[in-house]
């Protein structure tokens, strides 16, 4: 495995300065946002697609620091019921696939998106309860008319370009659990896999180690984010895990994102790394820093130090004791 980082946490630095900073931490990979929610501070997608010279310089700047690009990430809502928003996201995803092919990056990351509840809806509708039966009808309509058709078509486009799609299992979107990911994968093909972030498993009540087993046995983990989450049980009792309060209200929220090791101890993170090795994932563990209690540098540095303790880097070799 290699240790990397998702670049929005260094988006305030110029590109090459950000690369130097990442390399100085001993990392080996960078995940780069191409637009959408992560922004594109370090990636002029249109410019790179149009100019092979710029493309070579861009790639050389990364490789000269001993880094690889683990993924290009374009998190957005390609199923948004407002057609202009959906179109922009869909175009971004296709451009990101095109750029990934040119840069020889094997995977792009994004969200599945979430449609509305009918063709003329204005806002996404995320059904999370089976009753009243209206919610079941909405869910069926969404998957049959929006989720499966779009991702079947986009999955074919990615396959034709030799690229895998890592969907982040995130609340508020149609694919948010191992089960919903596998449902889409069965319909749209093995090009669809997970960009698995344990923090989103924890707040939904899912053990991320078991999520690794469920998805890993199906070969459905394409990328991995390293982000933690902590809980305040008194606030959980008041608000539940679907807490709608702003992330800035940390004292009152049921849960919050934390840097690695500040929500769950290193034994849990060691179990996660071991589970990834067990199911054959030997790619990048990409740090995503969204800890409201730590500065970027401190939160990132602590995540690096903690993960260096538990990351499994070397090939197994022979079991000499067998």
Protein backbone atom coordinates (compact mmCIF):
# COMPACT_ATOMS: atom_id res chain seq x y z
CA UNK A 1 0.00 0.00 0.00
CA UNK A 2 0.99 3.62 -0.51
CA UNK A 3 0.09 6.62 1.64
CA UNK A 4 -1.37 9.64 -0.13
CA UNK A 5 -3.52 12.71 0.40
CA UNK A 6 -6.54 14.35 -1.21
CA UNK A 7 -5.34 17.77 -2.41
CA UNK A 8 -8.14 20.17 -1.26
CA UNK A 9 -6.40 20.49 2.11
CA UNK A 10 -3.44 22.18 0.35
CA UNK A 11 -5.45 24.09 -2.25
CA UNK A 12 -4.30 27.43 -0.82
CA UNK A 13 -0.71 26.64 -1.87
CA UNK A 14 0.59 26.97 -5.43
CA UNK A 15 0.70 23.58 -7.18
CA UNK A 16 4.43 22.89 -6.99
CA UNK A 17 4.67 24.23 -3.45
CA UNK A 18 1.84 21.88 -2.48
CA UNK A 19 3.69 18.97 -4.09
CA UNK A 20 6.85 19.82 -2.15
CA UNK A 21 4.86 19.99 1.09
CA UNK A 22 3.24 16.60 0.44
CA UNK A 23 6.55 14.99 -0.48
CA UNK A 24 8.17 16.44 2.66
CA UNK A 25 5.71 14.40 4.75
CA UNK A 26 7.01 11.18 3.20
CA UNK A 27 3.90 10.54 1.12
CA UNK A 28 3.87 8.69 -2.18
CA UNK A 29 0.58 9.71 -3.81
CA UNK A 30 -1.76 12.61 -4.41
CA UNK A 31 -5.47 12.51 -5.24
CA UNK A 32 -6.39 15.56 -7.31
CA UNK A 33 -9.71 17.36 -7.57
CA UNK A 34 -10.75 18.27 -11.12
CA UNK A 35 -13.85 20.27 -10.18
CA UNK A 36 -17.22 19.90 -8.51
CA UNK A 37 -17.28 19.96 -4.72
CA UNK A 38 -13.46 19.45 -4.34
CA UNK A 39 -12.71 22.31 -6.72
CA UNK A 40 -9.89 22.32 -9.28
CA UNK A 41 -7.27 24.54 -7.63
CA UNK A 42 -4.41 22.36 -8.90
CA UNK A 43 -5.93 21.02 -12.10
CA UNK A 44 -6.89 23.00 -15.20
CA UNK A 45 -8.83 20.11 -16.71
CA UNK A 46 -9.69 21.82 -20.00
CA UNK A 47 -6.19 23.20 -20.42
CA UNK A 48 -4.51 19.86 -19.79
CA UNK A 49 -6.85 18.08 -22.19
CA UNK A 50 -6.13 20.63 -24.91
CA UNK A 51 -2.33 20.85 -24.59
CA UNK A 52 -0.11 17.76 -24.52
CA UNK A 53 2.88 19.90 -23.58
CA UNK A 54 1.15 21.16 -20.46
CA UNK A 55 0.04 17.61 -19.72
CA UNK A 56 3.63 16.31 -19.80
CA UNK A 57 4.88 19.18 -17.62
CA UNK A 58 2.07 18.55 -15.14
CA UNK A 59 2.84 14.85 -14.89
CA UNK A 60 6.58 15.49 -14.65
CA UNK A 61 6.09 17.92 -11.75
CA UNK A 62 4.31 15.17 -9.80
CA UNK A 63 6.66 12.34 -10.70
CA UNK A 64 9.79 14.41 -9.96
CA UNK A 65 8.68 14.51 -6.30
CA UNK A 66 8.39 10.71 -6.18
CA UNK A 67 4.58 10.92 -6.25
CA UNK A 68 1.87 9.22 -8.27
CA UNK A 69 -1.68 10.40 -8.90
CA UNK A 70 -3.90 7.88 -7.10
CA UNK A 71 -7.17 9.24 -8.52
CA UNK A 72 -8.79 12.24 -10.16
CA UNK A 73 -11.81 13.30 -8.13
CA UNK A 74 -14.84 15.16 -9.40
CA UNK A 75 -17.43 14.73 -6.63
CA UNK A 76 -20.73 16.23 -7.83
CA UNK A 77 -24.38 15.31 -8.39
CA UNK A 78 -24.78 14.05 -11.98
CA UNK A 79 -28.38 13.03 -11.20
CA UNK A 80 -29.50 16.40 -9.88
CA UNK A 81 -33.11 17.08 -10.92
CA UNK A 82 -32.17 20.56 -12.17
CA UNK A 83 -30.96 19.69 -15.63
CA UNK A 84 -28.33 22.43 -15.86
CA UNK A 85 -26.66 21.24 -12.64
CA UNK A 86 -26.79 17.61 -13.75
CA UNK A 87 -25.39 18.43 -17.19
CA UNK A 88 -22.44 20.33 -15.71
CA UNK A 89 -21.64 17.40 -13.40
CA UNK A 90 -21.98 14.84 -16.20
CA UNK A 91 -19.67 16.82 -18.47
CA UNK A 92 -17.14 17.13 -15.65
CA UNK A 93 -17.18 13.37 -15.05
CA UNK A 94 -16.58 12.63 -18.74
CA UNK A 95 -13.74 15.16 -18.93
CA UNK A 96 -12.21 13.67 -15.80
CA UNK A 97 -12.34 10.20 -17.36
CA UNK A 98 -10.66 11.60 -20.48
CA UNK A 99 -7.94 13.26 -18.40
CA UNK A 100 -7.40 10.15 -16.28
CA UNK A 101 -6.75 8.17 -19.46
CA UNK A 102 -4.22 10.74 -20.69
CA UNK A 103 -2.46 10.87 -17.30
CA UNK A 104 -2.57 7.06 -16.95
CA UNK A 105 -4.51 7.33 -13.69
CA UNK A 106 -6.56 4.14 -13.17
CA UNK A 107 -9.55 5.52 -11.25
CA UNK A 108 -11.75 8.58 -10.90
CA UNK A 109 -13.74 9.28 -7.73
CA UNK A 110 -17.15 10.93 -7.50
CA UNK A 111 -20.60 10.58 -5.93
CA UNK A 112 -23.44 8.52 -7.36
CA UNK A 113 -25.68 11.57 -7.25
CA UNK A 114 -29.26 11.71 -6.04
CA UNK A 115 -32.29 12.47 -8.25
CA UNK A 116 -35.52 14.18 -7.34
CA UNK A 117 -38.79 12.34 -6.81
CA UNK A 118 -40.24 12.96 -10.29
CA UNK A 119 -39.18 14.31 -13.66
CA UNK A 120 -39.96 17.95 -12.88
CA UNK A 121 -38.54 18.01 -9.34
CA UNK A 122 -36.32 20.91 -8.28
CA UNK A 123 -34.30 19.35 -5.45
CA UNK A 124 -32.82 15.90 -4.72
CA UNK A 125 -34.90 13.53 -2.59
CA UNK A 126 -32.99 10.99 -0.47
CA UNK A 127 -35.41 8.27 0.76
CA UNK A 128 -34.13 6.51 3.90
CA UNK A 129 -37.27 4.82 5.27
CA UNK A 130 -39.41 2.05 3.72
CA UNK A 131 -42.70 3.43 5.05
CA UNK A 132 -44.91 5.29 4.29
CA UNK A 133 -44.89 3.49 0.96
CA UNK A 134 -44.39 6.76 -0.92
CA UNK A 135 -40.69 6.46 -0.17
CA UNK A 136 -40.49 3.00 -1.73
CA UNK A 137 -42.17 4.33 -4.85
CA UNK A 138 -39.71 7.24 -5.03
CA UNK A 139 -36.74 4.91 -4.58
CA UNK A 140 -37.92 2.54 -7.31
CA UNK A 141 -38.51 5.42 -9.72
CA UNK A 142 -35.08 6.89 -9.01
CA UNK A 143 -33.16 3.67 -9.58
CA UNK A 144 -35.13 2.48 -12.61
CA UNK A 145 -35.22 5.83 -14.40
CA UNK A 146 -32.11 7.71 -13.26
CA UNK A 147 -29.47 5.85 -11.23
CA UNK A 148 -29.08 2.64 -13.26
CA UNK A 149 -29.45 4.17 -16.75
CA UNK A 150 -26.94 6.97 -16.12
CA UNK A 151 -24.29 4.83 -14.49
CA UNK A 152 -24.67 2.03 -17.04
CA UNK A 153 -23.94 4.53 -19.82
CA UNK A 154 -21.16 6.31 -17.92
CA UNK A 155 -19.66 2.99 -16.81
CA UNK A 156 -19.39 1.93 -20.45
CA UNK A 157 -17.70 5.23 -21.30
CA UNK A 158 -15.18 4.69 -18.49
CA UNK A 159 -14.58 1.07 -19.52
CA UNK A 160 -13.93 2.13 -23.11
CA UNK A 161 -11.26 4.51 -21.75
CA UNK A 162 -9.71 1.93 -19.39
CA UNK A 163 -10.80 3.79 -16.25
CA UNK A 164 -12.56 2.57 -13.08
CA UNK A 165 -15.13 4.65 -11.20
CA UNK A 166 -14.88 4.90 -7.41
CA UNK A 167 -18.17 6.07 -5.90
CA UNK A 168 -17.85 7.53 -2.42
CA UNK A 169 -20.47 5.98 -0.14
CA UNK A 170 -21.87 9.20 1.27
CA UNK A 171 -25.16 10.09 2.93
CA UNK A 172 -27.48 12.19 0.81
CA UNK A 173 -26.71 10.21 -2.36
CA UNK A 174 -28.32 7.11 -3.86
CA UNK A 175 -25.22 4.98 -3.32
CA UNK A 176 -24.28 5.37 0.34
CA UNK A 177 -23.80 1.84 1.76
CA UNK A 178 -22.03 -1.35 0.66
CA UNK A 179 -25.42 -2.78 -0.30
CA UNK A 180 -26.40 0.11 -2.57
CA UNK A 181 -22.94 0.07 -4.17
CA UNK A 182 -23.22 -3.64 -4.94
CA UNK A 183 -26.74 -3.14 -6.28
CA UNK A 184 -25.46 -0.57 -8.78
CA UNK A 185 -22.39 -2.64 -9.61
CA UNK A 186 -24.59 -5.63 -10.46
CA UNK A 187 -26.63 -3.46 -12.85
CA UNK A 188 -23.88 -1.29 -14.37
CA UNK A 189 -20.83 -3.57 -14.27
CA UNK A 190 -17.55 -4.06 -12.45
CA UNK A 191 -16.25 -0.69 -13.60
CA UNK A 192 -18.27 0.63 -10.66
CA UNK A 193 -16.61 0.25 -7.27
CA UNK A 194 -16.20 2.12 -4.00
CA UNK A 195 -14.04 4.98 -2.93
CA UNK A 196 -14.43 3.72 0.63
CA UNK A 197 -14.30 6.33 3.40
CA UNK A 198 -14.69 4.76 6.86
CA UNK A 199 -15.98 8.00 8.40
CA UNK A 200 -19.20 7.73 6.39
CA UNK A 201 -19.63 4.13 7.45
CA UNK A 202 -19.25 4.92 11.15
CA UNK A 203 -21.91 7.63 11.24
CA UNK A 204 -24.37 5.37 9.44
CA UNK A 205 -23.82 2.63 12.03
CA UNK A 206 -21.79 0.42 9.67
CA UNK A 207 -18.56 -1.22 10.84
CA UNK A 208 -16.06 -0.15 8.14
CA UNK A 209 -13.96 -3.28 8.69
CA UNK A 210 -16.98 -5.34 7.72
CA UNK A 211 -17.64 -2.94 4.83
CA UNK A 212 -14.12 -3.73 3.58
CA UNK A 213 -14.92 -7.45 3.76
CA UNK A 214 -18.28 -7.09 2.01
CA UNK A 215 -16.94 -4.95 -0.82
CA UNK A 216 -13.49 -6.52 -0.97
CA UNK A 217 -14.81 -10.04 -1.49
CA UNK A 218 -16.60 -8.68 -4.56
CA UNK A 219 -13.46 -6.89 -5.81
CA UNK A 220 -15.39 -3.66 -5.43
CA UNK A 221 -12.92 -1.35 -3.66
CA UNK A 222 -11.28 0.95 -6.21
CA UNK A 223 -9.87 3.58 -3.82
CA UNK A 224 -9.72 4.29 -0.07
CA UNK A 225 -10.04 7.50 1.96
CA UNK A 226 -8.54 7.81 5.44
CA UNK A 227 -10.83 9.93 7.60
CA UNK A 228 -12.12 9.33 11.13
CA UNK A 229 -15.32 10.23 12.97
CA UNK A 230 -16.17 10.73 16.64
CA UNK A 231 -19.51 10.66 18.47
CA UNK A 232 -21.13 12.45 21.40
CA UNK A 233 -23.66 9.94 22.72
CA UNK A 234 -25.75 12.57 24.53
CA UNK A 235 -26.10 14.45 21.25
CA UNK A 236 -26.80 11.24 19.36
CA UNK A 237 -29.65 10.60 21.77
CA UNK A 238 -31.03 14.06 21.01
CA UNK A 239 -30.43 14.34 17.26
CA UNK A 240 -29.80 10.82 15.94
CA UNK A 241 -27.08 10.03 13.42
CA UNK A 242 -28.87 11.93 10.64
CA UNK A 243 -28.03 15.15 12.49
CA UNK A 244 -28.85 18.11 10.22
CA UNK A 245 -26.95 20.72 12.24
CA UNK A 246 -24.05 22.54 10.62
CA UNK A 247 -20.63 20.92 10.92
CA UNK A 248 -19.51 24.14 12.59
CA UNK A 249 -21.68 23.44 15.66
CA UNK A 250 -19.23 20.88 16.98
CA UNK A 251 -20.24 21.11 20.63
CA UNK A 252 -23.86 20.26 19.79
CA UNK A 253 -23.53 17.78 16.95
CA UNK A 254 -24.10 14.03 17.30
CA UNK A 255 -20.94 13.23 15.35
CA UNK A 256 -18.12 14.98 13.56
CA UNK A 257 -15.25 14.21 11.25
CA UNK A 258 -11.83 13.81 12.86
CA UNK A 259 -8.26 13.24 11.81
CA UNK A 260 -7.14 9.59 11.80
CA UNK A 261 -6.77 8.30 15.35
CA UNK A 262 -8.93 10.97 16.98
CA UNK A 263 -12.22 9.13 16.59
CA UNK A 264 -11.06 5.51 16.78
CA UNK A 265 -7.86 4.10 18.21
CA UNK A 266 -4.99 2.68 16.20
CA UNK A 267 -6.11 -0.92 16.80
CA UNK A 268 -9.24 -0.14 14.78
CA UNK A 269 -7.16 1.47 12.04
CA UNK A 270 -4.77 -1.49 12.10
CA UNK A 271 -7.78 -3.77 11.65
CA UNK A 272 -8.84 -1.68 8.65
CA UNK A 273 -5.40 -1.94 7.04
CA UNK A 274 -5.32 -5.68 7.69
CA UNK A 275 -8.80 -6.12 6.20
CA UNK A 276 -7.72 -4.22 3.09
CA UNK A 277 -4.68 -6.50 2.73
CA UNK A 278 -6.84 -9.58 3.35
CA UNK A 279 -9.23 -8.77 0.49
CA UNK A 280 -6.38 -7.92 -1.88
CA UNK A 281 -6.47 -4.11 -1.85
CA UNK A 282 -2.88 -2.99 -2.35
CA UNK A 283 -3.31 0.54 -3.62
CA UNK A 284 -3.39 4.00 -2.04
CA UNK A 285 -4.73 5.06 1.35
CA UNK A 286 -5.59 8.71 0.71
CA UNK A 287 -5.84 11.07 3.68
CA UNK A 288 -8.83 13.42 3.68
CA UNK A 289 -8.62 16.07 6.39
CA UNK A 290 -11.90 17.63 7.59
CA UNK A 291 -11.20 17.94 11.32
CA UNK A 292 -12.76 21.10 12.78
CA UNK A 293 -10.55 20.97 15.88
CA UNK A 294 -7.17 20.97 14.12
CA UNK A 295 -5.35 23.19 11.67
CA UNK A 296 -4.62 21.74 8.27
CA UNK A 297 -0.94 21.13 9.07
CA UNK A 298 -1.53 19.61 12.51
CA UNK A 299 -4.44 17.41 11.46
CA UNK A 300 -2.62 16.24 8.33
CA UNK A 301 0.65 15.63 10.17
CA UNK A 302 -1.03 13.60 12.90
CA UNK A 303 -2.92 11.53 10.32
CA UNK A 304 0.35 10.79 8.50
CA UNK A 305 2.14 9.83 11.74
CA UNK A 306 -0.72 7.57 12.86
CA UNK A 307 -1.15 5.83 9.53
CA UNK A 308 2.60 5.25 9.15
CA UNK A 309 2.32 2.99 12.22
CA UNK A 310 -0.32 0.70 10.74
CA UNK A 311 0.05 0.87 6.95
CA UNK A 312 1.09 -2.48 5.45
CA UNK A 313 3.59 -1.70 2.71
CA UNK A 314 5.65 -4.76 1.82
CA UNK A 315 4.51 -7.79 -0.20
CA UNK A 316 3.77 -10.79 2.00
CA UNK A 317 6.18 -13.20 0.35
CA UNK A 318 6.13 -16.81 1.49
CA UNK A 319 4.49 -18.11 4.66
CA UNK A 320 7.71 -19.73 5.86
CA UNK A 321 6.00 -21.16 8.93
CA UNK A 322 3.47 -23.23 6.96
